[in-house]
PDB file of all heavy atoms in Angstrom:
ATOM      1  N   ILE A   1       2.550   4.403  10.299  1.00  0.00           N
ATOM      2  CA  ILE A   1       2.031   4.426   8.930  1.00  0.00           C
ATOM      3  C   ILE A   1       1.540   5.848   8.665  1.00  0.00           C
ATOM      4  O   ILE A   1       0.579   6.319   9.270  1.00  0.00           O
ATOM      5  CB  ILE A   1       0.896   3.397   8.737  1.00  0.00           C
ATOM      6  CG1 ILE A   1       1.361   1.988   9.151  1.00  0.00           C
ATOM      7  CG2 ILE A   1       0.409   3.420   7.288  1.00  0.00           C
ATOM      8  CD1 ILE A   1       2.601   1.486   8.433  1.00  0.00           C
ATOM      9  N   SER A   2       2.230   6.525   7.764  1.00  0.00           N
ATOM     10  CA  SER A   2       1.952   7.925   7.463  1.00  0.00           C
ATOM     11  C   SER A   2       0.555   8.106   6.885  1.00  0.00           C
ATOM     12  O   SER A   2       0.182   7.447   5.906  1.00  0.00           O
ATOM     13  CB  SER A   2       2.988   8.437   6.464  1.00  0.00           C
ATOM     14  OG  SER A   2       2.571   9.648   5.869  1.00  0.00           O
ATOM     15  N   ALA A   3      -0.202   9.015   7.469  1.00  0.00           N
ATOM     16  CA  ALA A   3      -1.537   9.331   6.948  1.00  0.00           C
ATOM     17  C   ALA A   3      -1.436   9.942   5.556  1.00  0.00           C
ATOM     18  O   ALA A   3      -2.231   9.611   4.665  1.00  0.00           O
ATOM     19  CB  ALA A   3      -2.256  10.281   7.912  1.00  0.00           C
ATOM     20  N   GLU A   4      -0.459  10.826   5.358  1.00  0.00           N
ATOM     21  CA  GLU A   4      -0.304  11.465   4.044  1.00  0.00           C
ATOM     22  C   GLU A   4       0.057  10.431   2.983  1.00  0.00           C
ATOM     23  O   GLU A   4      -0.565  10.371   1.917  1.00  0.00           O
ATOM     24  CB  GLU A   4       0.776  12.551   4.087  1.00  0.00           C
ATOM     25  CG  GLU A   4       0.996  13.202   2.731  1.00  0.00           C
ATOM     26  CD  GLU A   4       2.125  14.223   2.702  1.00  0.00           C
ATOM     27  OE1 GLU A   4       2.836  14.386   3.710  1.00  0.00           O
ATOM     28  OE2 GLU A   4       2.291  14.856   1.647  1.00  0.00           O
ATOM     29  N   ALA A   5       1.044   9.605   3.255  1.00  0.00           N
ATOM     30  CA  ALA A   5       1.467   8.599   2.280  1.00  0.00           C
ATOM     31  C   ALA A   5       0.341   7.613   1.994  1.00  0.00           C
ATOM     32  O   ALA A   5       0.109   7.234   0.837  1.00  0.00           O
ATOM     33  CB  ALA A   5       2.711   7.867   2.782  1.00  0.00           C
ATOM     34  N   SER A   6      -0.378   7.215   3.031  1.00  0.00           N
ATOM     35  CA  SER A   6      -1.496   6.291   2.850  1.00  0.00           C
ATOM     36  C   SER A   6      -2.576   6.894   1.961  1.00  0.00           C
ATOM     37  O   SER A   6      -3.126   6.215   1.089  1.00  0.00           O
ATOM     38  CB  SER A   6      -2.099   5.915   4.207  1.00  0.00           C
ATOM     39  OG  SER A   6      -1.159   5.246   4.998  1.00  0.00           O
ATOM     40  N   GLY A   7      -2.876   8.165   2.177  1.00  0.00           N
ATOM     41  CA  GLY A   7      -3.868   8.848   1.342  1.00  0.00           C
ATOM     42  C   GLY A   7      -3.442   8.914  -0.110  1.00  0.00           C
ATOM     43  O   GLY A   7      -4.257   8.699  -1.024  1.00  0.00           O
ATOM     44  N   HIS A   8      -2.168   9.193  -0.329  1.00  0.00           N
ATOM     45  CA  HIS A   8      -1.667   9.220  -1.713  1.00  0.00           C
ATOM     46  C   HIS A   8      -1.763   7.845  -2.358  1.00  0.00           C
ATOM     47  O   HIS A   8      -2.172   7.719  -3.522  1.00  0.00           O
ATOM     48  CB  HIS A   8      -0.221   9.717  -1.762  1.00  0.00           C
ATOM     49  CG  HIS A   8      -0.062  11.154  -1.410  1.00  0.00           C
ATOM     50  ND1 HIS A   8      -0.814  12.162  -1.978  1.00  0.00           N
ATOM     51  CD2 HIS A   8       0.774  11.752  -0.536  1.00  0.00           C
ATOM     52  CE1 HIS A   8      -0.456  13.323  -1.471  1.00  0.00           C
ATOM     53  NE2 HIS A   8       0.511  13.109  -0.591  1.00  0.00           N
ATOM     54  N   LEU A   9      -1.395   6.806  -1.619  1.00  0.00           N
ATOM     55  CA  LEU A   9      -1.460   5.460  -2.187  1.00  0.00           C
ATOM     56  C   LEU A   9      -2.899   5.066  -2.496  1.00  0.00           C
ATOM     57  O   LEU A   9      -3.173   4.479  -3.552  1.00  0.00           O
ATOM     58  CB  LEU A   9      -0.827   4.436  -1.238  1.00  0.00           C
ATOM     59  CG  LEU A   9      -0.744   3.028  -1.816  1.00  0.00           C
ATOM     60  CD1 LEU A   9       0.158   2.981  -3.037  1.00  0.00           C
ATOM     61  CD2 LEU A   9      -0.279   2.048  -0.757  1.00  0.00           C
ATOM     62  N   LEU A  10      -3.811   5.406  -1.620  1.00  0.00           N
ATOM     63  CA  LEU A  10      -5.219   5.119  -1.853  1.00  0.00           C
ATOM     64  C   LEU A  10      -5.698   5.774  -3.150  1.00  0.00           C
ATOM     65  O   LEU A  10      -6.382   5.144  -3.964  1.00  0.00           O
ATOM     66  CB  LEU A  10      -6.043   5.596  -0.661  1.00  0.00           C
ATOM     67  CG  LEU A  10      -7.516   5.223  -0.636  1.00  0.00           C
ATOM     68  CD1 LEU A  10      -7.706   3.723  -0.713  1.00  0.00           C
ATOM     69  CD2 LEU A  10      -8.166   5.776   0.628  1.00  0.00           C
ATOM     70  N   ALA A  11      -5.313   7.016  -3.381  1.00  0.00           N
ATOM     71  CA  ALA A  11      -5.686   7.703  -4.627  1.00  0.00           C
ATOM     72  C   ALA A  11      -5.026   7.046  -5.840  1.00  0.00           C
ATOM     73  O   ALA A  11      -5.655   6.902  -6.895  1.00  0.00           O
ATOM     74  CB  ALA A  11      -5.305   9.183  -4.549  1.00  0.00           C
ATOM     75  N   LEU A  12      -3.773   6.636  -5.697  1.00  0.00           N
ATOM     76  CA  LEU A  12      -3.048   6.015  -6.816  1.00  0.00           C
ATOM     77  C   LEU A  12      -3.599   4.640  -7.174  1.00  0.00           C
ATOM     78  O   LEU A  12      -3.411   4.173  -8.304  1.00  0.00           O
ATOM     79  CB  LEU A  12      -1.559   5.915  -6.486  1.00  0.00           C
ATOM     80  CG  LEU A  12      -0.816   7.243  -6.418  1.00  0.00           C
ATOM     81  CD1 LEU A  12       0.555   7.057  -5.764  1.00  0.00           C
ATOM     82  CD2 LEU A  12      -0.688   7.866  -7.805  1.00  0.00           C
ATOM     83  N   ALA A  13      -4.293   3.999  -6.244  1.00  0.00           N
ATOM     84  CA  ALA A  13      -4.844   2.667  -6.503  1.00  0.00           C
ATOM     85  C   ALA A  13      -5.854   2.671  -7.647  1.00  0.00           C
ATOM     86  O   ALA A  13      -6.111   1.623  -8.246  1.00  0.00           O
ATOM     87  CB  ALA A  13      -5.476   2.105  -5.230  1.00  0.00           C
ATOM     88  N   ARG A  14      -6.410   3.826  -7.985  1.00  0.00           N
ATOM     89  CA  ARG A  14      -7.344   3.912  -9.108  1.00  0.00           C
ATOM     90  C   ARG A  14      -6.616   3.897 -10.448  1.00  0.00           C
ATOM     91  O   ARG A  14      -7.178   3.465 -11.450  1.00  0.00           O
ATOM     92  CB  ARG A  14      -8.181   5.184  -8.983  1.00  0.00           C
ATOM     93  CG  ARG A  14      -9.161   5.153  -7.832  1.00  0.00           C
ATOM     94  CD  ARG A  14     -10.100   6.358  -7.851  1.00  0.00           C
ATOM     95  NE  ARG A  14      -9.396   7.630  -7.680  1.00  0.00           N
ATOM     96  CZ  ARG A  14      -9.200   8.228  -6.511  1.00  0.00           C
ATOM     97  NH1 ARG A  14      -9.642   7.674  -5.414  1.00  0.00           N
ATOM     98  NH2 ARG A  14      -8.576   9.372  -6.440  1.00  0.00           N
ATOM     99  N   ALA A  15      -5.381   4.372 -10.472  1.00  0.00           N
ATOM    100  CA  ALA A  15      -4.650   4.517 -11.733  1.00  0.00           C
ATOM    101  C   ALA A  15      -3.631   3.401 -11.980  1.00  0.00           C
ATOM    102  O   ALA A  15      -3.125   3.273 -13.090  1.00  0.00           O
ATOM    103  CB  ALA A  15      -3.927   5.870 -11.748  1.00  0.00           C
ATOM    104  N   PHE A  16      -3.324   2.629 -10.961  1.00  0.00           N
ATOM    105  CA  PHE A  16      -2.294   1.592 -11.059  1.00  0.00           C
ATOM    106  C   PHE A  16      -2.818   0.253 -10.551  1.00  0.00           C
ATOM    107  O   PHE A  16      -3.731   0.211  -9.730  1.00  0.00           O
ATOM    108  CB  PHE A  16      -1.090   1.961 -10.165  1.00  0.00           C
ATOM    109  CG  PHE A  16      -0.232   3.064 -10.665  1.00  0.00           C
ATOM    110  CD1 PHE A  16      -0.481   4.375 -10.274  1.00  0.00           C
ATOM    111  CD2 PHE A  16       0.854   2.818 -11.495  1.00  0.00           C
ATOM    112  CE1 PHE A  16       0.331   5.415 -10.701  1.00  0.00           C
ATOM    113  CE2 PHE A  16       1.674   3.849 -11.925  1.00  0.00           C
ATOM    114  CZ  PHE A  16       1.411   5.147 -11.536  1.00  0.00           C
ATOM    115  N   ASP A  17      -2.158  -0.811 -10.977  1.00  0.00           N
ATOM    116  CA  ASP A  17      -2.297  -2.113 -10.344  1.00  0.00           C
ATOM    117  C   ASP A  17      -1.191  -2.183  -9.298  1.00  0.00           C
ATOM    118  O   ASP A  17      -0.005  -2.222  -9.647  1.00  0.00           O
ATOM    119  CB  ASP A  17      -2.132  -3.248 -11.363  1.00  0.00           C
ATOM    120  CG  ASP A  17      -3.333  -3.379 -12.282  1.00  0.00           C
ATOM    121  OD1 ASP A  17      -4.442  -2.961 -11.896  1.00  0.00           O
ATOM    122  OD2 ASP A  17      -3.168  -3.925 -13.391  1.00  0.00           O
ATOM    123  N   LEU A  18      -1.563  -2.164  -8.023  1.00  0.00           N
ATOM    124  CA  LEU A  18      -0.589  -2.139  -6.933  1.00  0.00           C
ATOM    125  C   LEU A  18       0.018  -3.518  -6.696  1.00  0.00           C
ATOM    126  O   LEU A  18      -0.664  -4.534  -6.812  1.00  0.00           O
ATOM    127  CB  LEU A  18      -1.250  -1.678  -5.641  1.00  0.00           C
ATOM    128  CG  LEU A  18      -1.965  -0.325  -5.646  1.00  0.00           C
ATOM    129  CD1 LEU A  18      -2.557  -0.048  -4.273  1.00  0.00           C
ATOM    130  CD2 LEU A  18      -1.023   0.775  -6.068  1.00  0.00           C
ATOM    131  N   VAL A  19       1.297  -3.517  -6.330  1.00  0.00           N
ATOM    132  CA  VAL A  19       2.021  -4.729  -5.950  1.00  0.00           C
ATOM    133  C   VAL A  19       2.894  -4.369  -4.758  1.00  0.00           C
ATOM    134  O   VAL A  19       3.681  -3.425  -4.831  1.00  0.00           O
ATOM    135  CB  VAL A  19       2.920  -5.247  -7.104  1.00  0.00           C
ATOM    136  CG1 VAL A  19       3.670  -6.503  -6.667  1.00  0.00           C
ATOM    137  CG2 VAL A  19       2.127  -5.494  -8.379  1.00  0.00           C
ATOM    138  N   TRP A  20       2.762  -5.116  -3.646  1.00  0.00           N
ATOM    139  CA  TRP A  20       3.649  -4.890  -2.506  1.00  0.00           C
ATOM    140  C   TRP A  20       5.045  -5.367  -2.874  1.00  0.00           C
ATOM    141  O   TRP A  20       5.235  -6.501  -3.296  1.00  0.00           O
ATOM    142  CB  TRP A  20       3.176  -5.632  -1.265  1.00  0.00           C
ATOM    143  CG  TRP A  20       1.853  -5.203  -0.701  1.00  0.00           C
ATOM    144  CD1 TRP A  20       0.760  -5.993  -0.486  1.00  0.00           C
ATOM    145  CD2 TRP A  20       1.483  -3.892  -0.247  1.00  0.00           C
ATOM    146  NE1 TRP A  20      -0.257  -5.253   0.063  1.00  0.00           N
ATOM    147  CE2 TRP A  20       0.158  -3.960   0.221  1.00  0.00           C
ATOM    148  CE3 TRP A  20       2.146  -2.671  -0.198  1.00  0.00           C
ATOM    149  CZ2 TRP A  20      -0.512  -2.855   0.738  1.00  0.00           C
ATOM    150  CZ3 TRP A  20       1.473  -1.559   0.310  1.00  0.00           C
ATOM    151  CH2 TRP A  20       0.168  -1.660   0.767  1.00  0.00           C
ATOM    152  N   CYS A  21       6.017  -4.498  -2.689  1.00  0.00           N
ATOM    153  CA  CYS A  21       7.415  -4.780  -3.057  1.00  0.00           C
ATOM    154  C   CYS A  21       8.278  -4.479  -1.838  1.00  0.00           C
ATOM    155  O   CYS A  21       9.000  -3.487  -1.790  1.00  0.00           O
ATOM    156  CB  CYS A  21       7.796  -3.908  -4.249  1.00  0.00           C
ATOM    157  SG  CYS A  21       9.438  -4.193  -4.877  1.00  0.00           S
ATOM    158  N   SER A  22       8.178  -5.360  -0.844  1.00  0.00           N
ATOM    159  CA  SER A  22       8.781  -5.084   0.456  1.00  0.00           C
ATOM    160  C   SER A  22       9.215  -6.371   1.126  1.00  0.00           C
ATOM    161  O   SER A  22       8.631  -7.434   0.889  1.00  0.00           O
ATOM    162  CB  SER A  22       7.734  -4.377   1.335  1.00  0.00           C
ATOM    163  OG  SER A  22       8.155  -4.314   2.667  1.00  0.00           O
ATOM    164  N   GLY A  23      10.185  -6.247   1.975  1.00  0.00           N
ATOM    165  CA  GLY A  23      10.571  -7.366   2.818  1.00  0.00           C
ATOM    166  C   GLY A  23       9.442  -7.814   3.739  1.00  0.00           C
ATOM    167  O   GLY A  23       9.520  -8.884   4.339  1.00  0.00           O
ATOM    168  N   TRP A  24       8.386  -7.032   3.842  1.00  0.00           N
ATOM    169  CA  TRP A  24       7.224  -7.429   4.643  1.00  0.00           C
ATOM    170  C   TRP A  24       6.539  -8.647   4.025  1.00  0.00           C
ATOM    171  O   TRP A  24       5.836  -9.362   4.706  1.00  0.00           O
ATOM    172  CB  TRP A  24       6.206  -6.300   4.721  1.00  0.00           C
ATOM    173  CG  TRP A  24       6.518  -5.157   5.618  1.00  0.00           C
ATOM    174  CD1 TRP A  24       7.719  -4.545   5.821  1.00  0.00           C
ATOM    175  CD2 TRP A  24       5.582  -4.450   6.419  1.00  0.00           C
ATOM    176  NE1 TRP A  24       7.592  -3.493   6.689  1.00  0.00           N
ATOM    177  CE2 TRP A  24       6.282  -3.399   7.074  1.00  0.00           C
ATOM    178  CE3 TRP A  24       4.228  -4.570   6.650  1.00  0.00           C
ATOM    179  CZ2 TRP A  24       5.663  -2.508   7.947  1.00  0.00           C
ATOM    180  CZ3 TRP A  24       3.600  -3.678   7.503  1.00  0.00           C
ATOM    181  CH2 TRP A  24       4.305  -2.669   8.156  1.00  0.00           C
ATOM    182  N   GLU A  25       6.650  -8.811   2.717  1.00  0.00           N
ATOM    183  CA  GLU A  25       6.015  -9.887   1.957  1.00  0.00           C
ATOM    184  C   GLU A  25       4.549 -10.028   2.370  1.00  0.00           C
ATOM    185  O   GLU A  25       3.798  -9.065   2.259  1.00  0.00           O
ATOM    186  CB  GLU A  25       6.834 -11.166   2.057  1.00  0.00           C
ATOM    187  CG  GLU A  25       8.206 -10.988   1.411  1.00  0.00           C
ATOM    188  CD  GLU A  25       9.064 -12.237   1.388  1.00  0.00           C
ATOM    189  OE1 GLU A  25       8.693 -13.274   1.990  1.00  0.00           O
ATOM    190  OE2 GLU A  25      10.134 -12.173   0.745  1.00  0.00           O
ATOM    191  N   ASP A  26       4.107 -11.206   2.849  1.00  0.00           N
ATOM    192  CA  ASP A  26       2.692 -11.413   3.159  1.00  0.00           C
ATOM    193  C   ASP A  26       2.189 -10.575   4.324  1.00  0.00           C
ATOM    194  O   ASP A  26       0.989 -10.372   4.457  1.00  0.00           O
ATOM    195  CB  ASP A  26       2.402 -12.889   3.414  1.00  0.00           C
ATOM    196  CG  ASP A  26       3.178 -13.469   4.579  1.00  0.00           C
ATOM    197  OD1 ASP A  26       4.274 -12.959   4.900  1.00  0.00           O
ATOM    198  OD2 ASP A  26       2.688 -14.451   5.179  1.00  0.00           O
ATOM    199  N   LYS A  27       3.064 -10.038   5.140  1.00  0.00           N
ATOM    200  CA  LYS A  27       2.636  -9.190   6.251  1.00  0.00           C
ATOM    201  C   LYS A  27       2.018  -7.883   5.741  1.00  0.00           C
ATOM    202  O   LYS A  27       1.236  -7.249   6.449  1.00  0.00           O
ATOM    203  CB  LYS A  27       3.804  -8.905   7.187  1.00  0.00           C
ATOM    204  CG  LYS A  27       4.215 -10.108   8.017  1.00  0.00           C
ATOM    205  CD  LYS A  27       5.416  -9.778   8.864  1.00  0.00           C
ATOM    206  CE  LYS A  27       5.885 -10.909   9.722  1.00  0.00           C
ATOM    207  NZ  LYS A  27       6.006 -12.198   9.134  1.00  0.00           N
ATOM    208  N   ALA A  28       2.393  -7.458   4.539  1.00  0.00           N
ATOM    209  CA  ALA A  28       1.812  -6.236   3.977  1.00  0.00           C
ATOM    210  C   ALA A  28       0.301  -6.375   3.857  1.00  0.00           C
ATOM    211  O   ALA A  28      -0.456  -5.502   4.306  1.00  0.00           O
ATOM    212  CB  ALA A  28       2.433  -5.941   2.614  1.00  0.00           C
ATOM    213  N   ASP A  29      -0.132  -7.457   3.271  1.00  0.00           N
ATOM    214  CA  ASP A  29      -1.554  -7.683   3.100  1.00  0.00           C
ATOM    215  C   ASP A  29      -2.241  -7.808   4.455  1.00  0.00           C
ATOM    216  O   ASP A  29      -3.270  -7.195   4.709  1.00  0.00           O
ATOM    217  CB  ASP A  29      -1.767  -8.953   2.268  1.00  0.00           C
ATOM    218  CG  ASP A  29      -3.213  -9.166   1.910  1.00  0.00           C
ATOM    219  OD1 ASP A  29      -3.840  -8.237   1.381  1.00  0.00           O
ATOM    220  OD2 ASP A  29      -3.721 -10.268   2.169  1.00  0.00           O
ATOM    221  N   GLU A  30      -1.634  -8.549   5.335  1.00  0.00           N
ATOM    222  CA  GLU A  30      -2.199  -8.802   6.651  1.00  0.00           C
ATOM    223  C   GLU A  30      -2.368  -7.524   7.476  1.00  0.00           C
ATOM    224  O   GLU A  30      -3.362  -7.350   8.176  1.00  0.00           O
ATOM    225  CB  GLU A  30      -1.278  -9.773   7.392  1.00  0.00           C
ATOM    226  CG  GLU A  30      -1.697 -10.144   8.779  1.00  0.00           C
ATOM    227  CD  GLU A  30      -0.676 -11.056   9.456  1.00  0.00           C
ATOM    228  OE1 GLU A  30       0.118 -11.720   8.760  1.00  0.00           O
ATOM    229  OE2 GLU A  30      -0.674 -11.078  10.689  1.00  0.00           O
ATOM    230  N   HIS A  31      -1.417  -6.597   7.372  1.00  0.00           N
ATOM    231  CA  HIS A  31      -1.414  -5.429   8.261  1.00  0.00           C
ATOM    232  C   HIS A  31      -1.846  -4.118   7.606  1.00  0.00           C
ATOM    233  O   HIS A  31      -2.307  -3.222   8.306  1.00  0.00           O
ATOM    234  CB  HIS A  31      -0.029  -5.238   8.874  1.00  0.00           C
ATOM    235  CG  HIS A  31       0.344  -6.324   9.819  1.00  0.00           C
ATOM    236  ND1 HIS A  31      -0.097  -6.372  11.119  1.00  0.00           N
ATOM    237  CD2 HIS A  31       1.107  -7.428   9.652  1.00  0.00           C
ATOM    238  CE1 HIS A  31       0.374  -7.450  11.720  1.00  0.00           C
ATOM    239  NE2 HIS A  31       1.110  -8.108  10.849  1.00  0.00           N
ATOM    240  N   LEU A  32      -1.664  -3.971   6.304  1.00  0.00           N
ATOM    241  CA  LEU A  32      -1.863  -2.643   5.707  1.00  0.00           C
ATOM    242  C   LEU A  32      -3.163  -2.437   4.951  1.00  0.00           C
ATOM    243  O   LEU A  32      -3.645  -1.311   4.871  1.00  0.00           O
ATOM    244  CB  LEU A  32      -0.698  -2.314   4.778  1.00  0.00           C
ATOM    245  CG  LEU A  32       0.627  -2.099   5.486  1.00  0.00           C
ATOM    246  CD1 LEU A  32       1.735  -1.859   4.470  1.00  0.00           C
ATOM    247  CD2 LEU A  32       0.537  -0.946   6.453  1.00  0.00           C
ATOM    248  N   VAL A  33      -3.731  -3.466   4.371  1.00  0.00           N
ATOM    249  CA  VAL A  33      -4.934  -3.276   3.550  1.00  0.00           C
ATOM    250  C   VAL A  33      -6.032  -2.595   4.349  1.00  0.00           C
ATOM    251  O   VAL A  33      -6.654  -1.634   3.888  1.00  0.00           O
ATOM    252  CB  VAL A  33      -5.399  -4.612   2.939  1.00  0.00           C
ATOM    253  CG1 VAL A  33      -6.761  -4.463   2.266  1.00  0.00           C
ATOM    254  CG2 VAL A  33      -4.376  -5.115   1.917  1.00  0.00           C
TER     255      VAL A  33
END
């Protein structure tokens, strides 16, 4: 899990409503939040 990409996503969470759009489906919430 890229530190740079994660930092960018964290910053973008203020401006967007995030939606996981991945084959990970429920694993995204379980592993990435």
